Amino acid sequence: ERTFRTSAMGWFRPAPGKEREFVAAMRWSEGSTQYENAL
């Protein structure tokens, strides 16, 4: 959607013991980023 009101987007991948583990994310408006430390 062009008018999609996004506050953040991220990437995940499967991991043992849980459905998905966090990889990276971004707050959409200002572009600040977060990463899983090991990655």
Full PDB file with SEQRES, HELIX, SHEET, SSBOND, CRYST1, ORIGX, SCALE, CONECT and MASTER records, all heavy atoms in Angstrom:
SEQRES   1 A   39  GLU ARG THR PHE ARG THR SER ALA MET GLY TRP PHE ARG          
SEQRES   2 A   39  PRO ALA PRO GLY LYS GLU ARG GLU PHE VAL ALA ALA MET          
SEQRES   3 A   39  ARG TRP SER GLU GLY SER THR GLN TYR GLU ASN ALA LEU          
SHEET    1 AA1 3 ALA A   8  ALA A  15  0                                        
SHEET    2 AA1 3 LYS A  18  ARG A  27 -1                                        
SHEET    3 AA1 3 THR A  33  TYR A  35 -1                                        
CRYST1    1.000    1.000    1.000  90.00  90.00  90.00 P 1           1          
ORIGX1      1.000000  0.000000  0.000000        0.00000                         
ORIGX2      0.000000  1.000000  0.000000        0.00000                         
ORIGX3      0.000000  0.000000  1.000000        0.00000                         
SCALE1      1.000000  0.000000  0.000000        0.00000                         
SCALE2      0.000000  1.000000  0.000000        0.00000                         
SCALE3      0.000000  0.000000  1.000000        0.00000                         
ATOM      1  N   GLU A   1       0.817  -1.201   0.000  1.00  0.00           N  
ATOM      2  CA  GLU A   1       0.000   0.000   0.000  1.00  0.00           C  
ATOM      3  C   GLU A   1       0.851   1.252   0.000  1.00  0.00           C  
ATOM      4  O   GLU A   1       1.756   1.414   0.791  1.00  0.00           O  
ATOM      5  CB  GLU A   1      -0.910   0.024   1.228  1.00  0.00           C  
ATOM      6  CG  GLU A   1      -1.975  -1.041   1.206  1.00  0.00           C  
ATOM      7  CD  GLU A   1      -2.912  -0.911   2.376  1.00  0.00           C  
ATOM      8  OE1 GLU A   1      -2.673  -0.063   3.251  1.00  0.00           O  
ATOM      9  OE2 GLU A   1      -3.903  -1.657   2.415  1.00  0.00           O  
ATOM     10  N   ARG A   2       0.507   2.175  -0.848  1.00  0.00           N  
ATOM     11  CA  ARG A   2       1.236   3.425  -0.932  1.00  0.00           C  
ATOM     12  C   ARG A   2       1.070   4.252   0.333  1.00  0.00           C  
ATOM     13  O   ARG A   2       1.979   4.929   0.771  1.00  0.00           O  
ATOM     14  CB  ARG A   2       0.711   4.226  -2.118  1.00  0.00           C  
ATOM     15  CG  ARG A   2       1.734   5.033  -2.834  1.00  0.00           C  
ATOM     16  CD  ARG A   2       1.091   5.789  -3.936  1.00  0.00           C  
ATOM     17  NE  ARG A   2       1.690   5.455  -5.183  1.00  0.00           N  
ATOM     18  CZ  ARG A   2       1.462   6.123  -6.302  1.00  0.00           C  
ATOM     19  NH1 ARG A   2       0.610   7.103  -6.316  1.00  0.00           N  
ATOM     20  NH2 ARG A   2       2.066   5.779  -7.409  1.00  0.00           N  
ATOM     21  N   THR A   3      -0.094   4.231   0.911  1.00  0.00           N  
ATOM     22  CA  THR A   3      -0.372   5.053   2.094  1.00  0.00           C  
ATOM     23  C   THR A   3      -0.196   4.263   3.368  1.00  0.00           C  
ATOM     24  O   THR A   3      -0.717   4.626   4.418  1.00  0.00           O  
ATOM     25  CB  THR A   3      -1.807   5.611   2.028  1.00  0.00           C  
ATOM     26  OG1 THR A   3      -2.699   4.507   1.914  1.00  0.00           O  
ATOM     27  CG2 THR A   3      -1.972   6.528   0.842  1.00  0.00           C  
ATOM     28  N   PHE A   4       0.498   3.223   3.288  1.00  0.00           N  
ATOM     29  CA  PHE A   4       0.744   2.343   4.418  1.00  0.00           C  
ATOM     30  C   PHE A   4       1.400   3.135   5.550  1.00  0.00           C  
ATOM     31  O   PHE A   4       2.466   3.700   5.388  1.00  0.00           O  
ATOM     32  CB  PHE A   4       1.663   1.229   3.953  1.00  0.00           C  
ATOM     33  CG  PHE A   4       1.985   0.202   4.983  1.00  0.00           C  
ATOM     34  CD1 PHE A   4       1.055  -0.193   5.913  1.00  0.00           C  
ATOM     35  CD2 PHE A   4       3.221  -0.382   4.998  1.00  0.00           C  
ATOM     36  CE1 PHE A   4       1.357  -1.160   6.846  1.00  0.00           C  
ATOM     37  CE2 PHE A   4       3.540  -1.355   5.928  1.00  0.00           C  
ATOM     38  CZ  PHE A   4       2.610  -1.741   6.854  1.00  0.00           C  
ATOM     39  N   ARG A   5       0.730   3.205   6.699  1.00  0.00           N  
ATOM     40  CA  ARG A   5       1.243   3.955   7.847  1.00  0.00           C  
ATOM     41  C   ARG A   5       2.208   3.088   8.640  1.00  0.00           C  
ATOM     42  O   ARG A   5       1.831   2.436   9.609  1.00  0.00           O  
ATOM     43  CB  ARG A   5       0.094   4.415   8.725  1.00  0.00           C  
ATOM     44  CG  ARG A   5      -0.823   5.405   8.041  1.00  0.00           C  
ATOM     45  CD  ARG A   5      -1.920   5.886   8.965  1.00  0.00           C  
ATOM     46  NE  ARG A   5      -2.786   6.853   8.313  1.00  0.00           N  
ATOM     47  CZ  ARG A   5      -2.558   8.147   8.312  1.00  0.00           C  
ATOM     48  NH1 ARG A   5      -1.507   8.631   8.910  1.00  0.00           N  
ATOM     49  NH2 ARG A   5      -3.381   8.963   7.709  1.00  0.00           N  
ATOM     50  N   THR A   6       3.440   3.137   8.241  1.00  0.00           N  
ATOM     51  CA  THR A   6       4.454   2.294   8.847  1.00  0.00           C  
ATOM     52  C   THR A   6       5.223   3.040   9.918  1.00  0.00           C  
ATOM     53  O   THR A   6       5.705   4.137   9.664  1.00  0.00           O  
ATOM     54  CB  THR A   6       5.450   1.838   7.770  1.00  0.00           C  
ATOM     55  OG1 THR A   6       4.741   1.242   6.702  1.00  0.00           O  
ATOM     56  CG2 THR A   6       6.442   0.838   8.333  1.00  0.00           C  
ATOM     57  N   SER A   7       5.327   2.469  11.098  1.00  0.00           N  
ATOM     58  CA  SER A   7       6.169   3.073  12.117  1.00  0.00           C  
ATOM     59  C   SER A   7       7.510   2.361  12.224  1.00  0.00           C  
ATOM     60  O   SER A   7       8.495   2.955  12.660  1.00  0.00           O  
ATOM     61  CB  SER A   7       5.469   3.077  13.479  1.00  0.00           C  
ATOM     62  OG  SER A   7       5.169   1.745  13.874  1.00  0.00           O  
ATOM     63  N   ALA A   8       7.532   1.082  11.823  1.00  0.00           N  
ATOM     64  CA  ALA A   8       8.797   0.346  11.849  1.00  0.00           C  
ATOM     65  C   ALA A   8       8.689  -0.878  10.957  1.00  0.00           C  
ATOM     66  O   ALA A   8       7.594  -1.394  10.712  1.00  0.00           O  
ATOM     67  CB  ALA A   8       9.145  -0.087  13.264  1.00  0.00           C  
ATOM     68  N   MET A   9       9.830  -1.317  10.474  1.00  0.00           N  
ATOM     69  CA  MET A   9       9.901  -2.574   9.724  1.00  0.00           C  
ATOM     70  C   MET A   9      11.138  -3.332  10.170  1.00  0.00           C  
ATOM     71  O   MET A   9      12.112  -2.722  10.635  1.00  0.00           O  
ATOM     72  CB  MET A   9       9.951  -2.324   8.217  1.00  0.00           C  
ATOM     73  CG  MET A   9       8.666  -1.748   7.661  1.00  0.00           C  
ATOM     74  SD  MET A   9       8.645  -1.596   5.845  1.00  0.00           S  
ATOM     75  CE  MET A   9       8.458  -3.310   5.346  1.00  0.00           C  
ATOM     76  N   GLY A  10      11.077  -4.632  10.025  1.00  0.00           N  
ATOM     77  CA  GLY A  10      12.207  -5.432  10.484  1.00  0.00           C  
ATOM     78  C   GLY A  10      12.348  -6.729   9.729  1.00  0.00           C  
ATOM     79  O   GLY A  10      11.504  -7.073   8.898  1.00  0.00           O  
ATOM     80  N   TRP A  11      13.447  -7.424  10.033  1.00  0.00           N  
ATOM     81  CA  TRP A  11      13.718  -8.735   9.462  1.00  0.00           C  
ATOM     82  C   TRP A  11      13.935  -9.740  10.594  1.00  0.00           C  
ATOM     83  O   TRP A  11      14.607  -9.446  11.596  1.00  0.00           O  
ATOM     84  CB  TRP A  11      14.979  -8.693   8.591  1.00  0.00           C  
ATOM     85  CG  TRP A  11      14.853  -7.915   7.333  1.00  0.00           C  
ATOM     86  CD1 TRP A  11      15.165  -6.595   7.144  1.00  0.00           C  
ATOM     87  CD2 TRP A  11      14.358  -8.393   6.073  1.00  0.00           C  
ATOM     88  NE1 TRP A  11      14.911  -6.229   5.841  1.00  0.00           N  
ATOM     89  CE2 TRP A  11      14.417  -7.310   5.166  1.00  0.00           C  
ATOM     90  CE3 TRP A  11      13.879  -9.620   5.616  1.00  0.00           C  
ATOM     91  CZ2 TRP A  11      14.018  -7.442   3.823  1.00  0.00           C  
ATOM     92  CZ3 TRP A  11      13.492  -9.741   4.295  1.00  0.00           C  
ATOM     93  CH2 TRP A  11      13.561  -8.656   3.412  1.00  0.00           C  
ATOM     94  N   PHE A  12      13.373 -10.931  10.388  1.00  0.00           N  
ATOM     95  CA  PHE A  12      13.523 -12.030  11.336  1.00  0.00           C  
ATOM     96  C   PHE A  12      13.890 -13.291  10.569  1.00  0.00           C  
ATOM     97  O   PHE A  12      13.696 -13.373   9.351  1.00  0.00           O  
ATOM     98  CB  PHE A  12      12.206 -12.272  12.091  1.00  0.00           C  
ATOM     99  CG  PHE A  12      11.869 -11.224  13.109  1.00  0.00           C  
ATOM    100  CD1 PHE A  12      11.416  -9.972  12.726  1.00  0.00           C  
ATOM    101  CD2 PHE A  12      12.002 -11.496  14.458  1.00  0.00           C  
ATOM    102  CE1 PHE A  12      11.107  -9.005  13.668  1.00  0.00           C  
ATOM    103  CE2 PHE A  12      11.680 -10.541  15.407  1.00  0.00           C  
ATOM    104  CZ  PHE A  12      11.234  -9.296  15.010  1.00  0.00           C  
ATOM    105  N   ARG A  13      14.387 -14.294  11.281  1.00  0.00           N  
ATOM    106  CA  ARG A  13      14.653 -15.602  10.675  1.00  0.00           C  
ATOM    107  C   ARG A  13      14.396 -16.666  11.727  1.00  0.00           C  
ATOM    108  O   ARG A  13      14.450 -16.388  12.923  1.00  0.00           O  
ATOM    109  CB  ARG A  13      16.082 -15.674  10.151  1.00  0.00           C  
ATOM    110  CG  ARG A  13      17.148 -15.644  11.227  1.00  0.00           C  
ATOM    111  CD  ARG A  13      18.530 -15.608  10.610  1.00  0.00           C  
ATOM    112  NE  ARG A  13      19.573 -15.745  11.625  1.00  0.00           N  
ATOM    113  CZ  ARG A  13      20.870 -15.665  11.395  1.00  0.00           C  
ATOM    114  NH1 ARG A  13      21.321 -15.444  10.145  1.00  0.00           N  
ATOM    115  NH2 ARG A  13      21.743 -15.813  12.365  1.00  0.00           N  
ATOM    116  N   PRO A  14      14.130 -17.889  11.325  1.00  0.00           N  
ATOM    117  CA  PRO A  14      13.858 -18.955  12.292  1.00  0.00           C  
ATOM    118  C   PRO A  14      15.088 -19.235  13.153  1.00  0.00           C  
ATOM    119  O   PRO A  14      16.223 -19.029  12.719  1.00  0.00           O  
ATOM    120  CB  PRO A  14      13.524 -20.164  11.420  1.00  0.00           C  
ATOM    121  CG  PRO A  14      13.126 -19.584  10.109  1.00  0.00           C  
ATOM    122  CD  PRO A  14      13.940 -18.345   9.940  1.00  0.00           C  
ATOM    123  N   ALA A  15      14.850 -19.708  14.350  1.00  0.00           N  
ATOM    124  CA  ALA A  15      15.934 -20.048  15.263  1.00  0.00           C  
ATOM    125  C   ALA A  15      15.505 -21.222  16.137  1.00  0.00           C  
ATOM    126  O   ALA A  15      14.316 -21.382  16.412  1.00  0.00           O  
ATOM    127  CB  ALA A  15      16.291 -18.855  16.147  1.00  0.00           C  
ATOM    128  N   PRO A  16      16.441 -22.045  16.573  1.00  0.00           N  
ATOM    129  CA  PRO A  16      16.091 -23.176  17.452  1.00  0.00           C  
ATOM    130  C   PRO A  16      15.395 -22.699  18.712  1.00  0.00           C  
ATOM    131  O   PRO A  16      15.830 -21.742  19.350  1.00  0.00           O  
ATOM    132  CB  PRO A  16      17.466 -23.785  17.765  1.00  0.00           C  
ATOM    133  CG  PRO A  16      18.361 -23.342  16.670  1.00  0.00           C  
ATOM    134  CD  PRO A  16      17.871 -21.982  16.253  1.00  0.00           C  
ATOM    135  N   GLY A  17      14.318 -23.347  19.063  1.00  0.00           N  
ATOM    136  CA  GLY A  17      13.633 -23.016  20.306  1.00  0.00           C  
ATOM    137  C   GLY A  17      12.638 -21.883  20.215  1.00  0.00           C  
ATOM    138  O   GLY A  17      11.937 -21.607  21.182  1.00  0.00           O  
ATOM    139  N   LYS A  18      12.579 -21.217  19.104  1.00  0.00           N  
ATOM    140  CA  LYS A  18      11.590 -20.152  18.932  1.00  0.00           C  
ATOM    141  C   LYS A  18      11.191 -20.090  17.473  1.00  0.00           C  
ATOM    142  O   LYS A  18      11.883 -20.620  16.611  1.00  0.00           O  
ATOM    143  CB  LYS A  18      12.127 -18.805  19.413  1.00  0.00           C  
ATOM    144  CG  LYS A  18      13.460 -18.406  18.870  1.00  0.00           C  
ATOM    145  CD  LYS A  18      13.862 -17.033  19.425  1.00  0.00           C  
ATOM    146  CE  LYS A  18      15.261 -17.041  19.945  1.00  0.00           C  
ATOM    147  NZ  LYS A  18      15.713 -15.716  20.395  1.00  0.00           N  
ATOM    148  N   GLU A  19      10.081 -19.415  17.252  1.00  0.00           N  
ATOM    149  CA  GLU A  19       9.604 -19.390  15.876  1.00  0.00           C  
ATOM    150  C   GLU A  19      10.537 -18.563  15.005  1.00  0.00           C  
ATOM    151  O   GLU A  19      10.952 -18.998  13.939  1.00  0.00           O  
ATOM    152  CB  GLU A  19       8.185 -18.819  15.824  1.00  0.00           C  
ATOM    153  CG  GLU A  19       7.563 -18.938  14.438  1.00  0.00           C  
ATOM    154  CD  GLU A  19       6.094 -18.590  14.438  1.00  0.00           C  
ATOM    155  OE1 GLU A  19       5.488 -18.537  15.516  1.00  0.00           O  
ATOM    156  OE2 GLU A  19       5.559 -18.387  13.350  1.00  0.00           O  
ATOM    157  N   ARG A  20      10.851 -17.366  15.458  1.00  0.00           N  
ATOM    158  CA  ARG A  20      11.753 -16.503  14.687  1.00  0.00           C  
ATOM    159  C   ARG A  20      12.650 -15.710  15.632  1.00  0.00           C  
ATOM    160  O   ARG A  20      12.229 -15.349  16.731  1.00  0.00           O  
ATOM    161  CB  ARG A  20      10.954 -15.522  13.838  1.00  0.00           C  
ATOM    162  CG  ARG A  20      10.058 -16.169  12.798  1.00  0.00           C  
ATOM    163  CD  ARG A  20       9.359 -15.114  11.967  1.00  0.00           C  
ATOM    164  NE  ARG A  20       8.420 -15.698  11.026  1.00  0.00           N  
ATOM    165  CZ  ARG A  20       7.105 -15.630  11.157  1.00  0.00           C  
ATOM    166  NH1 ARG A  20       6.591 -15.006  12.188  1.00  0.00           N  
ATOM    167  NH2 ARG A  20       6.315 -16.175  10.263  1.00  0.00           N  
ATOM    168  N   GLU A  21      13.848 -15.419  15.163  1.00  0.00           N  
ATOM    169  CA  GLU A  21      14.741 -14.571  15.936  1.00  0.00           C  
ATOM    170  C   GLU A  21      14.935 -13.251  15.196  1.00  0.00           C  
ATOM    171  O   GLU A  21      14.887 -13.187  13.969  1.00  0.00           O  
ATOM    172  CB  GLU A  21      16.104 -15.240  16.158  1.00  0.00           C  
ATOM    173  CG  GLU A  21      16.941 -15.404  14.912  1.00  0.00           C  
ATOM    174  CD  GLU A  21      18.341 -15.922  15.213  1.00  0.00           C  
ATOM    175  OE1 GLU A  21      18.685 -16.099  16.404  1.00  0.00           O  
ATOM    176  OE2 GLU A  21      19.087 -16.147  14.255  1.00  0.00           O  
ATOM    177  N   PHE A  22      15.180 -12.226  15.974  1.00  0.00           N  
ATOM    178  CA  PHE A  22      15.355 -10.888  15.441  1.00  0.00           C  
ATOM    179  C   PHE A  22      16.679 -10.771  14.699  1.00  0.00           C  
ATOM    180  O   PHE A  22      17.705 -11.280  15.152  1.00  0.00           O  
ATOM    181  CB  PHE A  22      15.312  -9.894  16.599  1.00  0.00           C  
ATOM    182  CG  PHE A  22      15.649  -8.487  16.222  1.00  0.00           C  
ATOM    183  CD1 PHE A  22      14.743  -7.702  15.537  1.00  0.00           C  
ATOM    184  CD2 PHE A  22      16.882  -7.949  16.548  1.00  0.00           C  
ATOM    185  CE1 PHE A  22      15.050  -6.406  15.190  1.00  0.00           C  
ATOM    186  CE2 PHE A  22      17.204  -6.654  16.209  1.00  0.00           C  
ATOM    187  CZ  PHE A  22      16.283  -5.876  15.531  1.00  0.00           C  
ATOM    188  N   VAL A  23      16.646 -10.079  13.553  1.00  0.00           N  
ATOM    189  CA  VAL A  23      17.857  -9.824  12.787  1.00  0.00           C  
ATOM    190  C   VAL A  23      18.175  -8.327  12.802  1.00  0.00           C  
ATOM    191  O   VAL A  23      19.247  -7.911  13.226  1.00  0.00           O  
ATOM    192  CB  VAL A  23      17.719 -10.317  11.336  1.00  0.00           C  
ATOM    193  CG1 VAL A  23      18.952  -9.949  10.517  1.00  0.00           C  
ATOM    194  CG2 VAL A  23      17.477 -11.824  11.299  1.00  0.00           C  
ATOM    195  N   ALA A  24      17.236  -7.530  12.334  1.00  0.00           N  
ATOM    196  CA  ALA A  24      17.460  -6.082  12.257  1.00  0.00           C  
ATOM    197  C   ALA A  24      16.117  -5.386  12.102  1.00  0.00           C  
ATOM    198  O   ALA A  24      15.140  -6.002  11.662  1.00  0.00           O  
ATOM    199  CB  ALA A  24      18.357  -5.727  11.077  1.00  0.00           C  
ATOM    200  N   ALA A  25      16.070  -4.100  12.457  1.00  0.00           N  
ATOM    201  CA  ALA A  25      14.844  -3.327  12.331  1.00  0.00           C  
ATOM    202  C   ALA A  25      15.172  -1.857  12.122  1.00  0.00           C  
ATOM    203  O   ALA A  25      16.279  -1.404  12.399  1.00  0.00           O  
ATOM    204  CB  ALA A  25      13.967  -3.500  13.564  1.00  0.00           C  
ATOM    205  N   MET A  26      14.166  -1.151  11.649  1.00  0.00           N  
ATOM    206  CA  MET A  26      14.322   0.277  11.387  1.00  0.00           C  
ATOM    207  C   MET A  26      13.039   1.016  11.733  1.00  0.00           C  
ATOM    208  O   MET A  26      11.953   0.574  11.359  1.00  0.00           O  
ATOM    209  CB  MET A  26      14.653   0.505   9.908  1.00  0.00           C  
ATOM    210  CG  MET A  26      14.717   1.964   9.503  1.00  0.00           C  
ATOM    211  SD  MET A  26      15.088   2.175   7.753  1.00  0.00           S  
ATOM    212  CE  MET A  26      16.836   1.736   7.717  1.00  0.00           C  
ATOM    213  N   ARG A  27      13.162   2.090  12.477  1.00  0.00           N  
ATOM    214  CA  ARG A  27      12.033   3.004  12.653  1.00  0.00           C  
ATOM    215  C   ARG A  27      11.865   3.746  11.332  1.00  0.00           C  
ATOM    216  O   ARG A  27      12.800   4.379  10.847  1.00  0.00           O  
ATOM    217  CB  ARG A  27      12.302   3.975  13.778  1.00  0.00           C  
ATOM    218  CG  ARG A  27      12.111   3.393  15.155  1.00  0.00           C  
ATOM    219  CD  ARG A  27      12.396   4.456  16.171  1.00  0.00           C  
ATOM    220  NE  ARG A  27      12.103   4.037  17.515  1.00  0.00           N  
ATOM    221  CZ  ARG A  27      12.779   4.441  18.570  1.00  0.00           C  
ATOM    222  NH1 ARG A  27      13.796   5.274  18.423  1.00  0.00           N  
ATOM    223  NH2 ARG A  27      12.441   4.050  19.771  1.00  0.00           N  
ATOM    224  N   TRP A  28      10.676   3.697  10.794  1.00  0.00           N  
ATOM    225  CA  TRP A  28      10.497   4.093   9.408  1.00  0.00           C  
ATOM    226  C   TRP A  28      10.708   5.587   9.166  1.00  0.00           C  
ATOM    227  O   TRP A  28      11.304   5.989   8.177  1.00  0.00           O  
ATOM    228  CB  TRP A  28       9.094   3.694   8.944  1.00  0.00           C  
ATOM    229  CG  TRP A  28       8.947   3.659   7.461  1.00  0.00           C  
ATOM    230  CD1 TRP A  28       8.211   4.499   6.695  1.00  0.00           C  
ATOM    231  CD2 TRP A  28       9.579   2.738   6.558  1.00  0.00           C  
ATOM    232  NE1 TRP A  28       8.333   4.151   5.366  1.00  0.00           N  
ATOM    233  CE2 TRP A  28       9.162   3.078   5.256  1.00  0.00           C  
ATOM    234  CE3 TRP A  28      10.453   1.668   6.722  1.00  0.00           C  
ATOM    235  CZ2 TRP A  28       9.581   2.376   4.127  1.00  0.00           C  
ATOM    236  CZ3 TRP A  28      10.882   0.979   5.596  1.00  0.00           C  
ATOM    237  CH2 TRP A  28      10.460   1.331   4.332  1.00  0.00           C  
ATOM    238  N   SER A  29      10.196   6.434  10.048  1.00  0.00           N  
ATOM    239  CA  SER A  29      10.219   7.875   9.787  1.00  0.00           C  
ATOM    240  C   SER A  29      11.639   8.434   9.794  1.00  0.00           C  
ATOM    241  O   SER A  29      12.038   9.129   8.846  1.00  0.00           O  
ATOM    242  CB  SER A  29       9.355   8.612  10.794  1.00  0.00           C  
ATOM    243  OG  SER A  29       9.828   8.367  12.100  1.00  0.00           O  
ATOM    244  N   GLU A  30      12.419   8.142  10.836  1.00  0.00           N  
ATOM    245  CA  GLU A  30      13.751   8.744  10.924  1.00  0.00           C  
ATOM    246  C   GLU A  30      14.866   7.836  10.449  1.00  0.00           C  
ATOM    247  O   GLU A  30      16.002   8.277  10.302  1.00  0.00           O  
ATOM    248  CB  GLU A  30      14.052   9.215  12.351  1.00  0.00           C  
ATOM    249  CG  GLU A  30      14.374   8.088  13.322  1.00  0.00           C  
ATOM    250  CD  GLU A  30      13.195   7.628  14.123  1.00  0.00           C  
ATOM    251  OE1 GLU A  30      12.054   7.743  13.626  1.00  0.00           O  
ATOM    252  OE2 GLU A  30      13.406   7.135  15.244  1.00  0.00           O  
ATOM    253  N   GLY A  31      14.553   6.566  10.245  1.00  0.00           N  
ATOM    254  CA  GLY A  31      15.569   5.670   9.707  1.00  0.00           C  
ATOM    255  C   GLY A  31      16.561   5.126  10.711  1.00  0.00           C  
ATOM    256  O   GLY A  31      17.589   4.567  10.313  1.00  0.00           O  
ATOM    257  N   SER A  32      16.277   5.265  11.996  1.00  0.00           N  
ATOM    258  CA  SER A  32      17.195   4.706  12.993  1.00  0.00           C  
ATOM    259  C   SER A  32      17.124   3.182  12.954  1.00  0.00           C  
ATOM    260  O   SER A  32      16.070   2.611  12.685  1.00  0.00           O  
ATOM    261  CB  SER A  32      16.837   5.217  14.388  1.00  0.00           C  
ATOM    262  OG  SER A  32      15.524   4.855  14.736  1.00  0.00           O  
ATOM    263  N   THR A  33      18.251   2.530  13.205  1.00  0.00           N  
ATOM    264  CA  THR A  33      18.334   1.083  13.028  1.00  0.00           C  
ATOM    265  C   THR A  33      18.728   0.366  14.310  1.00  0.00           C  
ATOM    266  O   THR A  33      19.382   0.936  15.203  1.00  0.00           O  
ATOM    267  CB  THR A  33      19.349   0.731  11.934  1.00  0.00           C  
ATOM    268  OG1 THR A  33      20.627   1.273  12.283  1.00  0.00           O  
ATOM    269  CG2 THR A  33      18.910   1.296  10.593  1.00  0.00           C  
ATOM    270  N   GLN A  34      18.331  -0.896  14.369  1.00  0.00           N  
ATOM    271  CA  GLN A  34      18.710  -1.776  15.473  1.00  0.00           C  
ATOM    272  C   GLN A  34      19.144  -3.113  14.867  1.00  0.00           C  
ATOM    273  O   GLN A  34      18.568  -3.565  13.875  1.00  0.00           O  
ATOM    274  CB  GLN A  34      17.532  -2.020  16.419  1.00  0.00           C  
ATOM    275  CG  GLN A  34      16.961  -0.758  17.029  1.00  0.00           C  
ATOM    276  CD  GLN A  34      17.918  -0.100  17.989  1.00  0.00           C  
ATOM    277  OE1 GLN A  34      18.733  -0.775  18.627  1.00  0.00           O  
ATOM    278  NE2 GLN A  34      17.840   1.216  18.089  1.00  0.00           N  
ATOM    279  N   TYR A  35      20.135  -3.748  15.475  1.00  0.00           N  
ATOM    280  CA  TYR A  35      20.626  -5.029  14.998  1.00  0.00           C  
ATOM    281  C   TYR A  35      20.787  -6.007  16.160  1.00  0.00           C  
ATOM    282  O   TYR A  35      21.101  -5.609  17.288  1.00  0.00           O  
ATOM    283  CB  TYR A  35      21.995  -4.886  14.320  1.00  0.00           C  
ATOM    284  CG  TYR A  35      21.967  -4.106  13.028  1.00  0.00           C  
ATOM    285  CD1 TYR A  35      22.182  -2.723  13.026  1.00  0.00           C  
ATOM    286  CD2 TYR A  35      21.733  -4.737  11.813  1.00  0.00           C  
ATOM    287  CE1 TYR A  35      22.159  -1.999  11.846  1.00  0.00           C  
ATOM    288  CE2 TYR A  35      21.711  -4.025  10.626  1.00  0.00           C  
ATOM    289  CZ  TYR A  35      21.927  -2.659  10.653  1.00  0.00           C  
ATOM    290  OH  TYR A  35      21.900  -1.951   9.475  1.00  0.00           O  
ATOM    291  N   GLU A  36      20.601  -7.279  15.853  1.00  0.00           N  
ATOM    292  CA  GLU A  36      20.993  -8.313  16.786  1.00  0.00           C  
ATOM    293  C   GLU A  36      22.515  -8.218  16.931  1.00  0.00           C  
ATOM    294  O   GLU A  36      23.229  -8.153  15.931  1.00  0.00           O  
ATOM    295  CB  GLU A  36      20.587  -9.689  16.241  1.00  0.00           C  
ATOM    296  CG  GLU A  36      21.172 -10.859  16.992  1.00  0.00           C  
ATOM    297  CD  GLU A  36      20.742 -10.878  18.445  1.00  0.00           C  
ATOM    298  OE1 GLU A  36      19.595 -10.515  18.723  1.00  0.00           O  
ATOM    299  OE2 GLU A  36      21.566 -11.277  19.277  1.00  0.00           O  
ATOM    300  N   ASN A  37      22.993  -8.191  18.144  1.00  0.00           N  
ATOM    301  CA  ASN A  37      24.414  -7.919  18.376  1.00  0.00           C  
ATOM    302  C   ASN A  37      25.335  -8.873  17.620  1.00  0.00           C  
ATOM    303  O   ASN A  37      26.354  -8.468  17.062  1.00  0.00           O  
ATOM    304  CB  ASN A  37      24.713  -7.989  19.869  1.00  0.00           C  
ATOM    305  CG  ASN A  37      24.323  -6.720  20.591  1.00  0.00           C  
ATOM    306  OD1 ASN A  37      24.228  -5.661  19.973  1.00  0.00           O  
ATOM    307  ND2 ASN A  37      24.098  -6.827  21.883  1.00  0.00           N  
ATOM    308  N   ALA A  38      24.972 -10.143  17.619  1.00  0.00           N  
ATOM    309  CA  ALA A  38      25.844 -11.142  17.005  1.00  0.00           C  
ATOM    310  C   ALA A  38      25.926 -10.997  15.486  1.00  0.00           C  
ATOM    311  O   ALA A  38      26.849 -11.511  14.855  1.00  0.00           O  
ATOM    312  CB  ALA A  38      25.349 -12.540  17.361  1.00  0.00           C  
ATOM    313  N   LEU A  39      24.977 -10.261  14.902  1.00  0.00           N  
ATOM    314  CA  LEU A  39      24.928 -10.131  13.456  1.00  0.00           C  
ATOM    315  C   LEU A  39      25.419  -8.766  12.976  1.00  0.00           C  
ATOM    316  O   LEU A  39      25.583  -8.552  11.770  1.00  0.00           O  
ATOM    317  CB  LEU A  39      23.497 -10.350  12.962  1.00  0.00           C  
ATOM    318  CG  LEU A  39      22.836 -11.657  13.380  1.00  0.00           C  
ATOM    319  CD1 LEU A  39      21.414 -11.712  12.857  1.00  0.00           C  
ATOM    320  CD2 LEU A  39      23.640 -12.849  12.896  1.00  0.00           C  
TER     321      LEU A  39                                                      
MASTER        0    0    0    0    3    0    0    6  320    1    0    3          
END                                                                             
